[in-house]
Structure formats: structure tokens, C-alpha cells
Amino acid sequence: MKVVLFIGHHKVGSSSLQEFLSQNSIRLLKSRILYPAVEAQGLSVLLAKALQGKDNVETLPINAREAHNALAFTMLTEETGGAMPNFHAGLPHSNQMFRTIQQQINMLQPKAVILTAEVFANFAPRSTSLIDRLATFFQGADIRVIATFRRIDDYLASWHGQRLRFGQKVNPLRAVGIGPYRNSIHFDYKKMLDGWCKTVPQAEFILRNYSDVLANGGSVKDFIASSGLKFPRGLLPVRQANESLHRGMVEIARRGNHQLDQPDARLLRQVLGLKTPALNLPASGDVELFGAEHRENMVNTFELVHDYIGQVAGRQPFFPDMEEARTTRPYAEIEVATDALDQLQRLSGDIGNAVVHDFLKSLDLRQET
């Protein structure tokens, strides 16, 4: 049996990939590719789709759509403590999850099993025993581990925006640069990957540059090409998931997370996402979040990590355009955010929530917080 593990990184199209594989789980099963459920809700979705003779479900519950994130979070919580994310609720013990997967393998006799979870990226620095547990479960299988990495400046900007979408209170990148991330998997990719390489040395590791993933048609098409599996024809198309916050809106969302109650801050972020297409803004990637000094320091500090990734991948440099990360983007973050706020204030009559309306009307981006 072949086992394909997609282990992240974060912000590399994993949500779209999980959505695609979940929606097509029955069609994949007919080709003896198992994308397993891990608990009762996921099994119920599989049964309903099988009985209906179709894969498409308009809205999948998160424990079915991101089943292997649910497994990974449960394993992390049981092994190292901490709280489960509130969006993954009602889950059984991980022992039961593994039994659920094993029963599907026993009954369905697949040629291949796929697990996808960007949360697997957090295993190595927390405890390599988590990786060993997965490897032991699939002992005797041919294991392929796929990981995708973004160039560090592009990745940190995207992950920083994701933290804002989670409602976290963060400092601007232009003020603190890479400092809060430097010792984490969000900067040190070796911390994410090295434990996997050492714990599962028999596995085949496929490392992908996110720029190449995009050039190859996105995370789903690239995964299909990298998996080594023969996917059936006629699969349901990819649906966009987890769209990023425009970088011109980052500072406005950041202020909202600090100044508003969580429900109102969440509504503000929703408003920003809905209004962005109507605003006249530069391309998100042209907005500078770091500043020249932080960029220079970021690239210099990342050199050893970059060299390690290239060694594992068997190609140097892993990011051929790494030096471009030193170049500041043409539009300063505060200037774009100020212009965006001005446009939003002119559109404020369309904003129904009084708290969000008043926040945008009174916000002054000239004062640093």
C-alpha cells in the first residue's frame, strides 16, 4: 500500500486541497484511493454521499473537510497539552481515530491512503514521537511525504495576515520584523522538516516551491502530479478556500483586533474582505510590510535554513529568486492602508453594523499603536 502525507507548510493552498479531496472522496475510493474519515461525522458524510451516488456536498462540516487537521490537533493536544481549537469540537480520542482509519483500510482495501494536514507541520518541534506514531501506524507501506514552502518574505506576510484573520493581536511587521517568528516553524523551516526526515528516513520526501506550485496550476494540480498516484478522471473542480487578506487592509484589521471586541473585530474583517474588490488598491504583493532593514536582516538570517531545504530537496538554491526578497515593494503599507481607509469611509453608508461603521469613521492611522 502507498501512503501520501501532505504535511504543509501553512498558507500553501492546503485548505483548497483538503476541500478537493474531501468532496471527491467517493470517486477516489472507486479508484481505490482512500481519503479517510477520522470520526463519526466524517463517516456519516461518506455514507450519505455513497447512498446519494454523488460526491458534491455544498457545505462540509469542518471535521469532515479538514479531518486530518482534526487528527493532528488531537494528537498534539494529547501529547503536549494545550487547548483544542474551538472549531474542532466533539472529537474522540486519537486512539479511536486511528481505529477508524484502520477499519476503513481493512474493509475497503485501498491501494493508497492520503492524509493532508498543514497541522502536521507543527509535529517535529513539539514531539517527534507524534511523527513516529504515524510512521508506525503505516509500517510496511511505501510512504511519500510532500511539503510545500514559500519564499520567506512572501510566507511571513501571508502567515501574519492569517493570524489577523484568527483574531490575534499582533504587532506590525514593519515594527518588529522577523523577531516573533525567528525561532518557530514559521521562519525556521528546518524545525518543521528535520524531525520528519530523521524519524521517517525510509520515506520519499518531495519538497515543492510554492511559486512552482502556482505555475503548475495550484495546490490541487501540483499535489496530483507530486503524489505518484493515478487519479481518476471526472473529479469535481477545485473550490477556492481561505482567501488571504489584502495587504493594504492588514493595518486596519490589526487595529480592529486590538481595539474592538472579538465579535466586532471579526465582523470588521468580513467587511474588509467584502469591500476590497470595490476599492482602488495596488496589487497585494506590491505592498511593503517589512521595510528595507528588516528585509535585509530576514534574508541574511534565513540563509542557513534556505541551504538546508535545498540539501533535502536535492537542488540549490531551493528558491531561485531568493535575492529578490531583499527588494522592498513599491507601496508602503501605511500609505496604502490610509488610502484604503479613506475609500472605506466614503463607502461607510453601505456598512450596516454601527460599531464597525463608527470604528472606520474614527480610525486615525497616523498614530502608531
Protein backbone atom coordinates (compact mmCIF):
# COMPACT_ATOMS: atom_id res chain seq x y z
CA MET A 1 0.00 0.00 0.00
CA LYS A 2 1.14 3.54 -0.75
CA VAL A 3 0.71 6.33 1.78
CA VAL A 4 0.95 10.00 0.81
CA LEU A 5 1.30 12.52 3.64
CA PHE A 6 0.95 16.21 2.86
CA ILE A 7 2.47 17.99 5.87
CA GLY A 8 2.11 21.67 4.95
CA HIS A 9 3.51 24.27 5.23
CA HIS A 10 0.77 26.69 6.28
CA LYS A 11 -0.61 29.11 3.66
CA VAL A 12 0.32 26.98 0.66
CA GLY A 13 -3.15 26.02 -0.57
CA SER A 14 -3.81 23.21 1.92
CA SER A 15 -7.43 24.31 2.52
CA SER A 16 -8.25 24.06 -1.18
CA LEU A 17 -6.51 20.67 -1.34
CA GLN A 18 -8.45 19.34 1.66
CA GLU A 19 -11.72 20.63 0.22
CA PHE A 20 -10.98 18.97 -3.13
CA LEU A 21 -10.04 15.59 -1.66
CA SER A 22 -12.99 15.61 0.76
CA GLN A 23 -15.51 16.47 -1.95
CA ASN A 24 -14.12 13.74 -4.22
CA SER A 25 -13.68 11.07 -1.57
CA ILE A 26 -16.21 8.62 -3.07
CA ARG A 27 -14.86 8.96 -6.61
CA LEU A 28 -11.35 8.43 -5.25
CA LEU A 29 -12.47 5.33 -3.39
CA LYS A 30 -13.75 3.83 -6.64
CA SER A 31 -10.12 4.07 -7.83
CA ARG A 32 -9.01 2.53 -4.51
CA ILE A 33 -7.57 5.77 -3.15
CA LEU A 34 -8.73 6.30 0.43
CA TYR A 35 -9.03 9.79 1.88
CA PRO A 36 -10.15 8.56 5.29
CA ALA A 37 -12.61 9.98 7.75
CA VAL A 38 -11.46 10.00 11.37
CA GLU A 39 -14.69 10.17 13.38
CA ALA A 40 -18.46 9.64 13.24
CA GLN A 41 -19.37 12.87 11.49
CA GLY A 42 -16.91 12.25 8.68
CA LEU A 43 -18.07 8.65 8.30
CA SER A 44 -21.67 9.85 8.14
CA VAL A 45 -20.79 12.26 5.34
CA LEU A 46 -19.08 9.44 3.43
CA LEU A 47 -22.12 7.19 3.87
CA ALA A 48 -24.54 9.91 2.78
CA LYS A 49 -22.50 10.65 -0.34
CA ALA A 50 -22.26 6.95 -1.19
CA LEU A 51 -26.02 6.45 -0.81
CA GLN A 52 -26.79 9.53 -2.89
CA GLY A 53 -24.39 8.40 -5.60
CA LYS A 54 -22.69 11.77 -5.75
CA ASP A 55 -19.74 13.47 -4.12
CA ASN A 56 -20.76 17.11 -4.01
CA VAL A 57 -21.86 18.46 -0.63
CA GLU A 58 -22.39 22.19 -0.59
CA THR A 59 -21.01 22.76 2.90
CA LEU A 60 -18.91 20.09 4.54
CA PRO A 61 -18.57 20.20 8.35
CA ILE A 62 -15.01 21.07 9.31
CA ASN A 63 -14.32 17.69 10.95
CA ALA A 64 -15.11 16.07 7.59
CA ARG A 65 -13.48 18.72 5.38
CA GLU A 66 -10.30 19.01 7.47
CA ALA A 67 -10.39 15.57 9.04
CA HIS A 68 -6.63 15.15 9.27
CA ASN A 69 -6.15 18.57 10.86
CA ALA A 70 -8.64 17.32 13.46
CA LEU A 71 -6.49 14.21 13.93
CA ALA A 72 -3.28 16.24 14.13
CA PHE A 73 -4.69 18.74 16.63
CA THR A 74 -5.98 15.89 18.79
CA MET A 75 -2.59 14.15 18.74
CA LEU A 76 -0.80 17.40 19.63
CA THR A 77 -3.18 18.18 22.49
CA GLU A 78 -2.95 14.70 23.98
CA GLU A 79 0.84 14.55 23.67
CA THR A 80 1.95 18.04 24.63
CA GLY A 81 -1.04 19.74 26.26
CA GLY A 82 -2.78 22.93 25.31
CA ALA A 83 -6.34 23.56 24.21
CA MET A 84 -8.07 22.20 21.13
CA PRO A 85 -9.19 24.87 18.65
CA ASN A 86 -12.87 25.57 19.28
CA PHE A 87 -13.72 24.95 15.61
CA HIS A 88 -12.76 21.26 16.03
CA ALA A 89 -15.33 20.13 18.60
CA GLY A 90 -16.73 16.81 19.70
CA LEU A 91 -13.75 14.70 18.69
CA PRO A 92 -12.90 11.26 20.13
CA HIS A 93 -9.51 10.20 21.49
CA SER A 94 -6.81 9.81 18.83
CA ASN A 95 -6.71 6.04 19.52
CA GLN A 96 -10.29 5.85 18.28
CA MET A 97 -9.41 7.99 15.26
CA PHE A 98 -6.65 5.58 14.28
CA ARG A 99 -9.00 2.64 14.74
CA THR A 100 -11.49 4.38 12.45
CA ILE A 101 -8.82 4.77 9.77
CA GLN A 102 -7.68 1.16 10.23
CA GLN A 103 -11.21 -0.17 9.83
CA GLN A 104 -11.62 1.74 6.56
CA ILE A 105 -8.34 0.24 5.32
CA ASN A 106 -9.44 -3.26 6.40
CA MET A 107 -12.86 -3.05 4.79
CA LEU A 108 -12.04 -1.08 1.63
CA GLN A 109 -8.57 -2.49 0.83
CA PRO A 110 -7.23 0.66 -0.84
CA LYS A 111 -4.10 0.75 -2.95
CA ALA A 112 -3.26 4.16 -1.50
CA VAL A 113 -4.12 6.29 1.53
CA ILE A 114 -3.83 10.10 1.60
CA LEU A 115 -3.58 12.22 4.74
CA THR A 116 -3.34 16.01 4.37
CA ALA A 117 -2.87 18.41 7.28
CA GLU A 118 -0.84 21.59 7.49
CA VAL A 119 -1.02 21.00 11.26
CA PHE A 120 1.45 18.12 10.72
CA ALA A 121 3.98 20.94 10.24
CA ASN A 122 3.83 21.52 14.00
CA PHE A 123 4.75 17.94 14.96
CA ALA A 124 8.55 17.98 14.84
CA PRO A 125 9.26 20.87 17.24
CA ARG A 126 6.61 19.66 19.69
CA SER A 127 7.49 15.93 19.77
CA THR A 128 8.92 13.61 17.12
CA SER A 129 7.01 10.78 18.82
CA LEU A 130 3.95 12.17 17.01
CA ILE A 131 5.67 11.51 13.69
CA ASP A 132 6.82 8.09 14.86
CA ARG A 133 3.25 7.21 15.76
CA LEU A 134 2.08 7.94 12.21
CA ALA A 135 5.02 6.04 10.71
CA THR A 136 4.39 3.04 12.98
CA PHE A 137 0.70 3.02 12.07
CA PHE A 138 1.63 2.80 8.38
CA GLN A 139 4.55 0.41 8.94
CA GLY A 140 5.34 -1.58 5.82
CA ALA A 141 3.71 0.93 3.46
CA ASP A 142 5.56 2.95 0.85
CA ILE A 143 5.44 6.45 2.35
CA ARG A 144 5.77 9.66 0.37
CA VAL A 145 5.93 12.95 2.30
CA ILE A 146 5.07 16.13 0.41
CA ALA A 147 5.86 19.58 1.81
CA THR A 148 5.48 22.97 0.14
CA PHE A 149 7.43 26.07 1.14
CA ARG A 150 7.00 29.73 0.23
CA ARG A 151 9.87 32.19 -0.02
CA ILE A 152 10.29 33.59 3.46
CA ASP A 153 9.14 37.19 2.83
CA ASP A 154 6.05 36.04 0.96
CA TYR A 155 5.29 33.41 3.58
CA LEU A 156 5.66 35.64 6.64
CA ALA A 157 3.46 38.32 5.09
CA SER A 158 0.77 35.73 4.37
CA TRP A 159 1.01 33.99 7.76
CA HIS A 160 0.90 37.36 9.54
CA GLY A 161 -2.36 38.12 7.72
CA GLN A 162 -3.70 34.68 8.67
CA ARG A 163 -3.03 35.39 12.34
CA LEU A 164 -5.09 38.55 11.99
CA ARG A 165 -7.90 36.51 10.46
CA PHE A 166 -7.73 34.26 13.53
CA GLY A 167 -8.38 37.39 15.60
CA GLN A 168 -4.92 37.51 17.18
CA LYS A 169 -3.41 40.77 18.46
CA VAL A 170 -0.08 41.24 16.71
CA ASN A 171 2.49 43.98 16.18
CA PRO A 172 3.16 45.24 12.66
CA LEU A 173 5.94 43.50 10.74
CA ARG A 174 7.48 46.89 9.95
CA ALA A 175 7.97 47.43 13.69
CA VAL A 176 9.28 44.06 14.86
CA GLY A 177 10.25 42.32 11.63
CA ILE A 178 11.00 38.62 11.95
CA GLY A 179 11.62 38.71 15.71
CA PRO A 180 8.46 36.91 16.94
CA TYR A 181 8.81 34.23 14.25
CA ARG A 182 12.53 33.59 14.16
CA ASN A 183 12.60 30.51 16.43
CA SER A 184 9.40 28.98 15.10
CA ILE A 185 8.48 26.79 12.12
CA HIS A 186 7.17 29.97 10.51
CA PHE A 187 10.75 31.09 9.92
CA ASP A 188 12.96 28.10 10.62
CA TYR A 189 11.69 25.58 8.05
CA LYS A 190 14.33 23.14 9.30
CA LYS A 191 12.44 22.91 12.61
CA MET A 192 9.38 21.82 10.67
CA LEU A 193 11.09 19.30 8.38
CA ASP A 194 14.18 17.85 10.07
CA GLY A 195 12.23 15.74 12.58
CA TRP A 196 10.30 14.13 9.74
CA CYS A 197 13.45 13.33 7.78
CA LYS A 198 15.12 11.74 10.83
CA THR A 199 12.06 9.89 12.13
CA VAL A 200 10.87 8.51 8.79
CA PRO A 201 14.15 8.11 6.86
CA GLN A 202 12.63 5.39 4.69
CA ALA A 203 10.08 7.83 3.27
CA GLU A 204 10.45 9.62 -0.04
CA PHE A 205 10.43 13.38 0.50
CA ILE A 206 9.06 15.71 -2.18
CA LEU A 207 9.70 19.39 -1.45
CA ARG A 208 7.84 21.93 -3.57
CA ASN A 209 8.48 25.63 -4.11
CA TYR A 210 5.15 27.45 -3.84
CA SER A 211 5.97 29.54 -6.92
CA ASP A 212 6.27 26.31 -8.89
CA VAL A 213 3.02 25.07 -7.35
CA LEU A 214 1.22 28.15 -8.65
CA ALA A 215 2.86 27.81 -12.06
CA ASN A 216 1.68 24.19 -12.13
CA GLY A 217 -1.96 25.23 -11.70
CA GLY A 218 -2.28 25.45 -7.92
CA SER A 219 -2.10 23.19 -4.89
CA VAL A 220 -4.50 20.54 -6.19
CA LYS A 221 -2.94 20.03 -9.62
CA ASP A 222 0.54 20.11 -8.12
CA PHE A 223 -0.38 17.57 -5.44
CA ILE A 224 -1.84 15.21 -8.03
CA ALA A 225 1.37 15.48 -10.06
CA SER A 226 3.61 15.06 -6.98
CA SER A 227 1.68 12.24 -5.30
CA GLY A 228 2.76 9.46 -7.65
CA LEU A 229 -0.84 8.23 -7.68
CA LYS A 230 -3.14 7.73 -10.66
CA PHE A 231 -6.16 9.93 -10.02
CA PRO A 232 -9.43 9.16 -11.82
CA ARG A 233 -10.99 11.46 -14.39
CA GLY A 234 -14.17 13.43 -13.83
CA LEU A 235 -13.35 14.76 -10.37
CA LEU A 236 -15.21 17.77 -9.02
CA PRO A 237 -13.30 21.02 -9.62
CA VAL A 238 -11.31 22.93 -7.04
CA ARG A 239 -13.16 25.46 -4.91
CA GLN A 240 -11.30 28.49 -3.62
CA ALA A 241 -10.76 28.32 0.12
CA ASN A 242 -9.18 30.52 2.80
CA GLU A 243 -8.61 33.65 0.72
CA SER A 244 -5.90 35.91 2.09
CA LEU A 245 -6.44 39.39 3.48
CA HIS A 246 -5.23 42.08 1.05
CA ARG A 247 -2.01 43.55 2.46
CA GLY A 248 -3.43 47.05 2.15
CA MET A 249 -6.06 46.02 4.72
CA VAL A 250 -3.66 44.43 7.20
CA GLU A 251 -3.13 47.52 9.35
CA ILE A 252 -6.85 48.30 9.53
CA ALA A 253 -7.63 44.72 10.59
CA ARG A 254 -4.74 44.79 13.07
CA ARG A 255 -6.09 47.94 14.74
CA GLY A 256 -9.54 46.37 14.85
CA ASN A 257 -8.24 43.25 16.62
CA HIS A 258 -6.67 45.49 19.26
CA GLN A 259 -9.49 47.96 19.74
CA LEU A 260 -12.74 46.03 19.19
CA ASP A 261 -14.40 43.15 20.98
CA GLN A 262 -13.83 39.84 19.21
CA PRO A 263 -17.27 39.63 17.52
CA ASP A 264 -16.99 43.18 16.16
CA ALA A 265 -13.37 42.65 15.09
CA ARG A 266 -14.48 39.52 13.22
CA LEU A 267 -17.26 41.48 11.51
CA LEU A 268 -14.75 44.22 10.59
CA ARG A 269 -12.50 41.64 8.90
CA GLN A 270 -15.51 40.30 6.99
CA VAL A 271 -16.37 43.82 5.84
CA LEU A 272 -12.79 44.42 4.72
CA GLY A 273 -12.84 41.22 2.69
CA LEU A 274 -16.15 42.08 1.05
CA LYS A 275 -15.23 45.68 0.27
CA THR A 276 -11.70 45.07 -1.04
CA PRO A 277 -12.76 44.28 -4.66
CA ALA A 278 -14.58 47.63 -4.87
CA LEU A 279 -11.53 49.65 -3.79
CA ASN A 280 -8.80 51.06 -5.99
CA LEU A 281 -5.73 49.42 -4.45
CA PRO A 282 -2.38 48.23 -5.79
CA ALA A 283 -1.78 44.51 -6.10
CA SER A 284 -1.48 42.93 -2.66
CA GLY A 285 2.03 41.65 -3.41
CA ASP A 286 3.20 45.20 -4.18
CA VAL A 287 2.53 46.41 -0.63
CA GLU A 288 5.62 46.57 1.62
CA LEU A 289 5.04 45.21 5.13
CA PHE A 290 8.63 44.88 6.41
CA GLY A 291 10.83 47.79 5.39
CA ALA A 292 14.30 47.66 3.85
CA GLU A 293 16.25 46.99 7.07
CA HIS A 294 14.01 44.14 8.21
CA ARG A 295 14.10 42.60 4.73
CA GLU A 296 17.89 42.59 4.67
CA ASN A 297 18.06 41.03 8.13
CA MET A 298 15.40 38.48 7.21
CA VAL A 299 17.24 37.20 4.14
CA ASN A 300 20.61 37.10 5.90
CA THR A 301 19.19 35.15 8.84
CA PHE A 302 17.32 32.76 6.54
CA GLU A 303 20.44 31.69 4.60
CA LEU A 304 21.18 28.58 6.71
CA VAL A 305 17.55 27.48 6.56
CA HIS A 306 17.50 28.02 2.81
CA ASP A 307 20.65 25.93 2.41
CA TYR A 308 19.14 23.09 4.47
CA ILE A 309 15.92 23.00 2.42
CA GLY A 310 17.98 22.88 -0.75
CA GLN A 311 20.02 19.94 0.57
CA VAL A 312 16.90 17.91 1.38
CA ALA A 313 15.29 18.78 -1.93
CA GLY A 314 18.46 17.98 -3.86
CA ARG A 315 18.64 21.32 -5.62
CA GLN A 316 20.40 24.57 -4.84
CA PRO A 317 19.13 27.18 -4.47
CA PHE A 318 15.68 25.95 -3.47
CA PHE A 319 14.28 29.43 -4.10
CA PRO A 320 15.99 30.65 -7.29
CA ASP A 321 14.64 34.17 -6.70
CA MET A 322 15.77 34.40 -3.07
CA GLU A 323 17.73 37.61 -3.60
CA GLU A 324 14.54 39.33 -4.72
CA ALA A 325 13.34 39.08 -1.13
CA ARG A 326 15.78 41.88 -0.29
CA THR A 327 13.90 44.29 -2.58
CA THR A 328 11.25 46.46 -0.95
CA ARG A 329 7.84 46.52 -2.57
CA PRO A 330 6.81 49.77 -4.33
CA TYR A 331 3.95 50.82 -2.00
CA ALA A 332 4.40 51.50 1.72
CA GLU A 333 1.90 49.71 3.94
CA ILE A 334 0.69 52.77 5.84
CA GLU A 335 0.19 54.79 2.66
CA VAL A 336 -1.94 52.05 1.09
CA ALA A 337 -3.86 51.47 4.31
CA THR A 338 -4.55 55.21 4.66
CA ASP A 339 -5.86 55.38 1.10
CA ALA A 340 -7.95 52.25 1.66
CA LEU A 341 -9.40 53.73 4.85
CA ASP A 342 -10.29 56.95 3.03
CA GLN A 343 -12.16 54.94 0.39
CA LEU A 344 -13.91 52.85 3.04
CA GLN A 345 -15.00 55.98 4.90
CA ARG A 346 -16.64 57.25 1.70
CA LEU A 347 -18.44 53.90 1.41
CA SER A 348 -19.38 53.78 5.07
CA GLY A 349 -23.07 54.28 4.33
CA ASP A 350 -23.09 50.70 2.99
CA ILE A 351 -21.77 49.29 6.28
CA GLY A 352 -24.73 48.15 8.34
CA ASN A 353 -23.02 47.45 11.67
CA ALA A 354 -22.86 50.61 13.78
CA VAL A 355 -19.73 49.58 15.71
CA VAL A 356 -17.75 48.82 12.55
CA HIS A 357 -19.09 51.98 10.89
CA ASP A 358 -18.03 54.17 13.84
CA PHE A 359 -14.65 52.43 14.13
CA LEU A 360 -13.80 53.11 10.48
CA LYS A 361 -15.05 56.71 10.73
CA SER A 362 -12.90 57.47 13.78
CA LEU A 363 -9.76 55.46 12.89
CA ASP A 364 -6.59 57.53 12.54
CA LEU A 365 -3.71 55.55 11.02
CA ARG A 366 -1.24 58.40 11.51
CA GLN A 367 -0.95 57.47 15.19
CA GLU A 368 1.14 54.32 15.70
CA THR A 369 -0.21 51.74 18.12
